Amino acid sequence: MKENYVYPATMKKVDGMYRVEFLDFPDVGLVEADTKEEAIRSAQECLALTILDYESRNQELPIPTDDVTGVVFIHIWMPYFRNAAKEIYVKKNVTIPQWLDILAKENKVNYSAALVKGLKIALGMES
């Protein structure tokens, strides 16, 4: 896996917003922001997520177009984004009824997995 990627993108100001569009990723939507700096930062995040998606599906990345003018080149360093994309777990103490604890232990329930699943259901993220 490569660590650095540089892809060209167009940047235009439309209706007071800076709009960034990647030349080599037509399926990736537009990135818009109030300032140039925010637009480039958002474009970097968008590009990193796209590359992570390609990597997860073992899909070959397009070769960056290099013979272009009038574009900005979006550079990303993937170790940073790969680390940021990892799911980080935090420790929480919870209180449950004793009878439920006994049943869960007897059935070898993984408390962390059960809590994550329950929270996702409560938040409408899973049914």
N, C-alpha and C. Protein backbone atom coordinates (compact mmCIF):
# COMPACT_ATOMS: atom_id res chain seq x y z
N MET A 1 0.84 -1.19 0.00
CA MET A 1 0.00 0.00 0.00
C MET A 1 0.88 1.24 0.00
N LYS A 2 0.50 2.16 -0.83
CA LYS A 2 1.23 3.42 -0.88
C LYS A 2 0.88 4.29 0.33
N GLU A 3 1.80 5.17 0.66
CA GLU A 3 1.54 6.09 1.76
C GLU A 3 1.07 7.46 1.28
N ASN A 4 1.53 7.88 0.11
CA ASN A 4 1.20 9.21 -0.41
C ASN A 4 0.46 9.12 -1.73
N TYR A 5 -0.54 9.93 -1.87
CA TYR A 5 -1.29 10.05 -3.11
C TYR A 5 -1.48 11.52 -3.44
N VAL A 6 -1.42 11.82 -4.73
CA VAL A 6 -1.68 13.17 -5.20
C VAL A 6 -2.59 13.05 -6.42
N TYR A 7 -3.75 13.67 -6.33
CA TYR A 7 -4.71 13.66 -7.44
C TYR A 7 -5.12 15.08 -7.78
N PRO A 8 -5.29 15.36 -9.08
CA PRO A 8 -5.72 16.71 -9.48
C PRO A 8 -7.21 16.89 -9.28
N ALA A 9 -7.59 18.13 -9.02
CA ALA A 9 -9.00 18.48 -8.84
C ALA A 9 -9.21 19.90 -9.32
N THR A 10 -10.40 20.17 -9.76
CA THR A 10 -10.74 21.55 -10.13
C THR A 10 -11.32 22.23 -8.90
N MET A 11 -11.05 23.52 -8.79
CA MET A 11 -11.63 24.30 -7.69
C MET A 11 -12.23 25.56 -8.31
N LYS A 12 -13.53 25.73 -8.08
CA LYS A 12 -14.25 26.88 -8.60
C LYS A 12 -15.03 27.53 -7.47
N LYS A 13 -15.24 28.82 -7.60
CA LYS A 13 -16.09 29.51 -6.63
C LYS A 13 -17.47 29.66 -7.26
N VAL A 14 -18.45 29.04 -6.62
CA VAL A 14 -19.82 29.04 -7.12
C VAL A 14 -20.75 29.50 -6.00
N ASP A 15 -21.46 30.56 -6.25
CA ASP A 15 -22.40 31.10 -5.26
C ASP A 15 -21.75 31.32 -3.89
N GLY A 16 -20.52 31.83 -3.90
CA GLY A 16 -19.82 32.14 -2.66
C GLY A 16 -19.16 30.96 -1.99
N MET A 17 -19.31 29.76 -2.56
CA MET A 17 -18.72 28.54 -1.99
C MET A 17 -17.61 28.04 -2.91
N TYR A 18 -16.57 27.48 -2.31
CA TYR A 18 -15.50 26.86 -3.08
C TYR A 18 -15.88 25.41 -3.33
N ARG A 19 -15.89 25.04 -4.59
CA ARG A 19 -16.32 23.71 -5.01
C ARG A 19 -15.12 22.96 -5.59
N VAL A 20 -14.88 21.75 -5.08
CA VAL A 20 -13.77 20.92 -5.55
C VAL A 20 -14.34 19.66 -6.17
N GLU A 21 -13.78 19.31 -7.33
CA GLU A 21 -14.22 18.11 -8.05
C GLU A 21 -12.99 17.36 -8.54
N PHE A 22 -12.94 16.06 -8.29
CA PHE A 22 -11.79 15.26 -8.70
C PHE A 22 -11.92 14.82 -10.16
N LEU A 23 -10.83 14.94 -10.91
CA LEU A 23 -10.84 14.56 -12.32
C LEU A 23 -10.86 13.04 -12.49
N ASP A 24 -10.16 12.34 -11.62
CA ASP A 24 -9.98 10.90 -11.81
C ASP A 24 -10.98 10.04 -11.04
N PHE A 25 -11.87 10.68 -10.30
CA PHE A 25 -12.90 9.96 -9.56
C PHE A 25 -14.27 10.56 -9.91
N PRO A 26 -14.81 10.23 -11.07
CA PRO A 26 -16.09 10.83 -11.48
C PRO A 26 -17.25 10.45 -10.57
N ASP A 27 -17.13 9.32 -9.86
CA ASP A 27 -18.21 8.88 -8.99
C ASP A 27 -18.24 9.62 -7.65
N VAL A 28 -17.15 10.31 -7.34
CA VAL A 28 -17.07 11.04 -6.08
C VAL A 28 -17.79 12.37 -6.25
N GLY A 29 -18.63 12.69 -5.31
CA GLY A 29 -19.40 13.92 -5.39
C GLY A 29 -18.55 15.16 -5.21
N LEU A 30 -19.19 16.28 -5.34
CA LEU A 30 -18.53 17.56 -5.15
C LEU A 30 -18.24 17.80 -3.68
N VAL A 31 -17.17 18.53 -3.43
CA VAL A 31 -16.85 18.97 -2.07
C VAL A 31 -17.02 20.48 -2.08
N GLU A 32 -17.76 21.01 -1.12
CA GLU A 32 -17.98 22.45 -1.04
C GLU A 32 -17.63 22.96 0.35
N ALA A 33 -17.09 24.19 0.39
CA ALA A 33 -16.75 24.81 1.67
C ALA A 33 -16.73 26.33 1.51
N ASP A 34 -16.72 27.02 2.65
CA ASP A 34 -16.73 28.48 2.64
C ASP A 34 -15.39 29.09 2.26
N THR A 35 -14.29 28.43 2.61
CA THR A 35 -12.96 28.96 2.31
C THR A 35 -12.16 27.96 1.49
N LYS A 36 -11.10 28.45 0.86
CA LYS A 36 -10.22 27.56 0.09
C LYS A 36 -9.60 26.50 1.00
N GLU A 37 -9.17 26.93 2.18
CA GLU A 37 -8.52 26.02 3.11
C GLU A 37 -9.48 24.90 3.53
N GLU A 38 -10.71 25.26 3.85
CA GLU A 38 -11.71 24.25 4.24
C GLU A 38 -12.02 23.32 3.07
N ALA A 39 -12.07 23.87 1.87
CA ALA A 39 -12.36 23.06 0.68
C ALA A 39 -11.25 22.04 0.45
N ILE A 40 -10.01 22.47 0.58
CA ILE A 40 -8.89 21.54 0.38
C ILE A 40 -8.88 20.48 1.48
N ARG A 41 -9.10 20.88 2.73
CA ARG A 41 -9.14 19.91 3.83
C ARG A 41 -10.27 18.89 3.61
N SER A 42 -11.44 19.37 3.21
CA SER A 42 -12.57 18.47 2.94
C SER A 42 -12.27 17.56 1.75
N ALA A 43 -11.61 18.11 0.74
CA ALA A 43 -11.24 17.30 -0.43
C ALA A 43 -10.24 16.21 -0.03
N GLN A 44 -9.31 16.54 0.87
CA GLN A 44 -8.37 15.53 1.35
C GLN A 44 -9.10 14.40 2.06
N GLU A 45 -10.05 14.75 2.93
CA GLU A 45 -10.81 13.73 3.66
C GLU A 45 -11.63 12.88 2.69
N CYS A 46 -12.24 13.52 1.72
CA CYS A 46 -13.05 12.81 0.72
C CYS A 46 -12.18 11.85 -0.09
N LEU A 47 -11.02 12.34 -0.52
CA LEU A 47 -10.10 11.51 -1.29
C LEU A 47 -9.60 10.33 -0.45
N ALA A 48 -9.25 10.59 0.80
CA ALA A 48 -8.76 9.51 1.67
C ALA A 48 -9.83 8.44 1.87
N LEU A 49 -11.07 8.86 2.12
CA LEU A 49 -12.16 7.89 2.29
C LEU A 49 -12.40 7.09 1.01
N THR A 50 -12.28 7.75 -0.13
CA THR A 50 -12.44 7.06 -1.41
C THR A 50 -11.34 6.02 -1.59
N ILE A 51 -10.10 6.40 -1.27
CA ILE A 51 -8.99 5.45 -1.39
C ILE A 51 -9.16 4.30 -0.41
N LEU A 52 -9.57 4.58 0.80
CA LEU A 52 -9.82 3.51 1.77
C LEU A 52 -10.90 2.55 1.27
N ASP A 53 -11.92 3.10 0.63
CA ASP A 53 -12.99 2.27 0.06
C ASP A 53 -12.43 1.39 -1.05
N TYR A 54 -11.63 1.96 -1.94
CA TYR A 54 -11.01 1.18 -3.02
C TYR A 54 -10.16 0.06 -2.42
N GLU A 55 -9.34 0.41 -1.40
CA GLU A 55 -8.48 -0.59 -0.78
C GLU A 55 -9.29 -1.71 -0.14
N SER A 56 -10.38 -1.37 0.53
CA SER A 56 -11.18 -2.40 1.21
C SER A 56 -11.81 -3.37 0.23
N ARG A 57 -12.03 -2.90 -1.00
CA ARG A 57 -12.63 -3.76 -2.03
C ARG A 57 -11.57 -4.32 -2.98
N ASN A 58 -10.29 -4.11 -2.64
CA ASN A 58 -9.18 -4.55 -3.49
C ASN A 58 -9.35 -4.07 -4.93
N GLN A 59 -9.86 -2.86 -5.07
CA GLN A 59 -10.08 -2.28 -6.38
C GLN A 59 -8.89 -1.40 -6.73
N GLU A 60 -8.46 -1.47 -7.97
CA GLU A 60 -7.31 -0.69 -8.42
C GLU A 60 -7.68 0.79 -8.52
N LEU A 61 -6.81 1.63 -8.00
CA LEU A 61 -7.03 3.08 -8.06
C LEU A 61 -6.71 3.60 -9.45
N PRO A 62 -7.41 4.65 -9.89
CA PRO A 62 -7.07 5.23 -11.18
C PRO A 62 -5.69 5.89 -11.13
N ILE A 63 -5.02 5.89 -12.26
CA ILE A 63 -3.74 6.58 -12.36
C ILE A 63 -4.04 8.07 -12.39
N PRO A 64 -3.36 8.86 -11.54
CA PRO A 64 -3.64 10.30 -11.51
C PRO A 64 -3.32 10.97 -12.84
N THR A 65 -4.24 11.78 -13.31
CA THR A 65 -4.01 12.56 -14.51
C THR A 65 -2.89 13.54 -14.20
N ASP A 66 -1.85 13.57 -15.07
CA ASP A 66 -0.73 14.44 -14.75
C ASP A 66 -0.48 15.53 -15.79
N ASP A 67 -1.13 15.46 -16.91
CA ASP A 67 -0.90 16.46 -17.96
C ASP A 67 -2.06 17.44 -18.00
N VAL A 68 -2.25 18.17 -16.91
CA VAL A 68 -3.35 19.12 -16.83
C VAL A 68 -2.85 20.46 -16.27
N THR A 69 -3.55 21.50 -16.62
CA THR A 69 -3.25 22.82 -16.08
C THR A 69 -4.52 23.40 -15.47
N GLY A 70 -4.36 24.39 -14.64
CA GLY A 70 -5.52 25.04 -14.04
C GLY A 70 -6.22 24.21 -12.99
N VAL A 71 -5.49 23.33 -12.33
CA VAL A 71 -6.09 22.49 -11.29
C VAL A 71 -5.29 22.65 -10.00
N VAL A 72 -5.87 22.19 -8.91
CA VAL A 72 -5.13 22.07 -7.65
C VAL A 72 -4.81 20.60 -7.48
N PHE A 73 -3.68 20.33 -6.87
CA PHE A 73 -3.32 18.95 -6.61
C PHE A 73 -3.55 18.67 -5.13
N ILE A 74 -4.41 17.68 -4.88
CA ILE A 74 -4.77 17.31 -3.52
C ILE A 74 -3.85 16.18 -3.07
N HIS A 75 -3.06 16.45 -2.05
CA HIS A 75 -2.12 15.46 -1.52
C HIS A 75 -2.64 14.91 -0.20
N ILE A 76 -2.53 13.60 -0.04
CA ILE A 76 -2.87 13.00 1.24
C ILE A 76 -1.79 12.00 1.63
N TRP A 77 -1.58 11.92 2.93
CA TRP A 77 -0.67 10.95 3.52
C TRP A 77 -1.54 9.93 4.21
N MET A 78 -1.63 8.74 3.62
CA MET A 78 -2.60 7.74 4.06
C MET A 78 -2.41 7.20 5.47
N PRO A 79 -1.19 7.07 6.02
CA PRO A 79 -1.12 6.57 7.40
C PRO A 79 -1.98 7.39 8.37
N TYR A 80 -2.01 8.69 8.21
CA TYR A 80 -2.85 9.53 9.07
C TYR A 80 -4.32 9.16 8.92
N PHE A 81 -4.79 9.06 7.66
CA PHE A 81 -6.21 8.79 7.42
C PHE A 81 -6.58 7.34 7.76
N ARG A 82 -5.65 6.40 7.54
CA ARG A 82 -5.94 5.02 7.92
C ARG A 82 -6.12 4.92 9.43
N ASN A 83 -5.28 5.61 10.17
CA ASN A 83 -5.39 5.60 11.62
C ASN A 83 -6.66 6.29 12.08
N ALA A 84 -7.00 7.41 11.45
CA ALA A 84 -8.21 8.15 11.82
C ALA A 84 -9.47 7.36 11.53
N ALA A 85 -9.41 6.48 10.53
CA ALA A 85 -10.59 5.71 10.14
C ALA A 85 -10.81 4.49 11.03
N LYS A 86 -9.80 4.13 11.83
CA LYS A 86 -9.97 2.98 12.71
C LYS A 86 -11.00 3.30 13.77
N GLU A 87 -11.74 2.29 14.12
CA GLU A 87 -12.73 2.46 15.17
C GLU A 87 -12.03 2.39 16.52
N ILE A 88 -12.15 3.44 17.30
CA ILE A 88 -11.52 3.49 18.61
C ILE A 88 -12.60 3.26 19.66
N TYR A 89 -12.32 2.34 20.56
CA TYR A 89 -13.29 2.00 21.60
C TYR A 89 -12.93 2.71 22.90
N VAL A 90 -13.95 3.09 23.64
CA VAL A 90 -13.77 3.71 24.95
C VAL A 90 -14.41 2.82 26.00
N LYS A 91 -13.85 2.84 27.19
CA LYS A 91 -14.36 2.02 28.27
C LYS A 91 -15.48 2.77 28.99
N LYS A 92 -16.59 2.07 29.25
CA LYS A 92 -17.73 2.63 29.97
C LYS A 92 -18.13 1.66 31.06
N ASN A 93 -18.46 2.20 32.20
CA ASN A 93 -19.00 1.38 33.30
C ASN A 93 -20.52 1.48 33.25
N VAL A 94 -21.17 0.34 33.34
CA VAL A 94 -22.63 0.33 33.32
C VAL A 94 -23.16 -0.45 34.51
N THR A 95 -24.39 -0.18 34.86
CA THR A 95 -25.05 -0.89 35.95
C THR A 95 -26.25 -1.62 35.35
N ILE A 96 -26.33 -2.92 35.61
CA ILE A 96 -27.44 -3.72 35.10
C ILE A 96 -28.03 -4.52 36.25
N PRO A 97 -29.26 -4.99 36.10
CA PRO A 97 -29.86 -5.82 37.16
C PRO A 97 -29.06 -7.12 37.34
N GLN A 98 -28.99 -7.59 38.58
CA GLN A 98 -28.22 -8.79 38.89
C GLN A 98 -28.72 -10.01 38.13
N TRP A 99 -30.03 -10.17 38.03
CA TRP A 99 -30.58 -11.33 37.34
C TRP A 99 -30.14 -11.35 35.87
N LEU A 100 -30.03 -10.16 35.27
CA LEU A 100 -29.62 -10.06 33.87
C LEU A 100 -28.14 -10.42 33.73
N ASP A 101 -27.34 -10.00 34.69
CA ASP A 101 -25.92 -10.34 34.70
C ASP A 101 -25.72 -11.85 34.80
N ILE A 102 -26.50 -12.49 35.67
CA ILE A 102 -26.40 -13.95 35.85
C ILE A 102 -26.75 -14.67 34.54
N LEU A 103 -27.86 -14.28 33.92
CA LEU A 103 -28.27 -14.90 32.65
C LEU A 103 -27.23 -14.67 31.56
N ALA A 104 -26.70 -13.46 31.48
CA ALA A 104 -25.70 -13.14 30.46
C ALA A 104 -24.45 -13.98 30.63
N LYS A 105 -23.99 -14.14 31.88
CA LYS A 105 -22.80 -14.95 32.14
C LYS A 105 -23.05 -16.41 31.79
N GLU A 106 -24.23 -16.93 32.15
CA GLU A 106 -24.56 -18.32 31.85
C GLU A 106 -24.58 -18.58 30.34
N ASN A 107 -24.98 -17.56 29.58
CA ASN A 107 -25.07 -17.69 28.12
C ASN A 107 -23.84 -17.15 27.40
N LYS A 108 -22.79 -16.82 28.19
CA LYS A 108 -21.53 -16.34 27.63
C LYS A 108 -21.72 -15.15 26.67
N VAL A 109 -22.53 -14.19 27.11
CA VAL A 109 -22.79 -13.00 26.31
C VAL A 109 -21.58 -12.07 26.39
N ASN A 110 -21.16 -11.56 25.25
CA ASN A 110 -20.09 -10.56 25.19
C ASN A 110 -20.74 -9.21 25.51
N TYR A 111 -20.44 -8.66 26.68
CA TYR A 111 -21.08 -7.43 27.13
C TYR A 111 -20.82 -6.26 26.18
N SER A 112 -19.59 -6.13 25.72
CA SER A 112 -19.24 -5.02 24.83
C SER A 112 -20.04 -5.09 23.53
N ALA A 113 -20.06 -6.28 22.93
CA ALA A 113 -20.79 -6.44 21.67
C ALA A 113 -22.28 -6.19 21.87
N ALA A 114 -22.83 -6.68 22.99
CA ALA A 114 -24.25 -6.48 23.27
C ALA A 114 -24.57 -5.00 23.47
N LEU A 115 -23.70 -4.29 24.17
CA LEU A 115 -23.92 -2.86 24.39
C LEU A 115 -23.84 -2.08 23.09
N VAL A 116 -22.85 -2.40 22.26
CA VAL A 116 -22.71 -1.72 20.96
C VAL A 116 -23.96 -1.96 20.12
N LYS A 117 -24.39 -3.22 20.05
CA LYS A 117 -25.59 -3.54 19.26
C LYS A 117 -26.82 -2.82 19.81
N GLY A 118 -26.98 -2.84 21.13
CA GLY A 118 -28.12 -2.16 21.75
C GLY A 118 -28.12 -0.66 21.50
N LEU A 119 -26.94 -0.05 21.59
CA LEU A 119 -26.85 1.40 21.32
C LEU A 119 -27.17 1.71 19.86
N LYS A 120 -26.69 0.88 18.94
CA LYS A 120 -26.99 1.10 17.52
C LYS A 120 -28.50 0.99 17.27
N ILE A 121 -29.14 0.02 17.90
CA ILE A 121 -30.59 -0.14 17.75
C ILE A 121 -31.29 1.08 18.33
N ALA A 122 -30.88 1.51 19.51
CA ALA A 122 -31.50 2.67 20.16
C ALA A 122 -31.33 3.94 19.34
N LEU A 123 -30.25 4.01 18.57
CA LEU A 123 -29.99 5.20 17.75
C LEU A 123 -30.54 5.06 16.34
N GLY A 124 -31.22 3.96 16.06
CA GLY A 124 -31.82 3.75 14.74
C GLY A 124 -30.80 3.40 13.66
N MET A 125 -29.64 2.90 14.08
CA MET A 125 -28.59 2.56 13.12
C MET A 125 -28.66 1.11 12.69
N GLU A 126 -29.43 0.32 13.40
CA GLU A 126 -29.53 -1.11 13.13
C GLU A 126 -30.93 -1.56 13.57
N SER A 127 -31.46 -2.53 12.88
CA SER A 127 -32.78 -3.01 13.32
C SER A 127 -32.71 -4.41 13.82
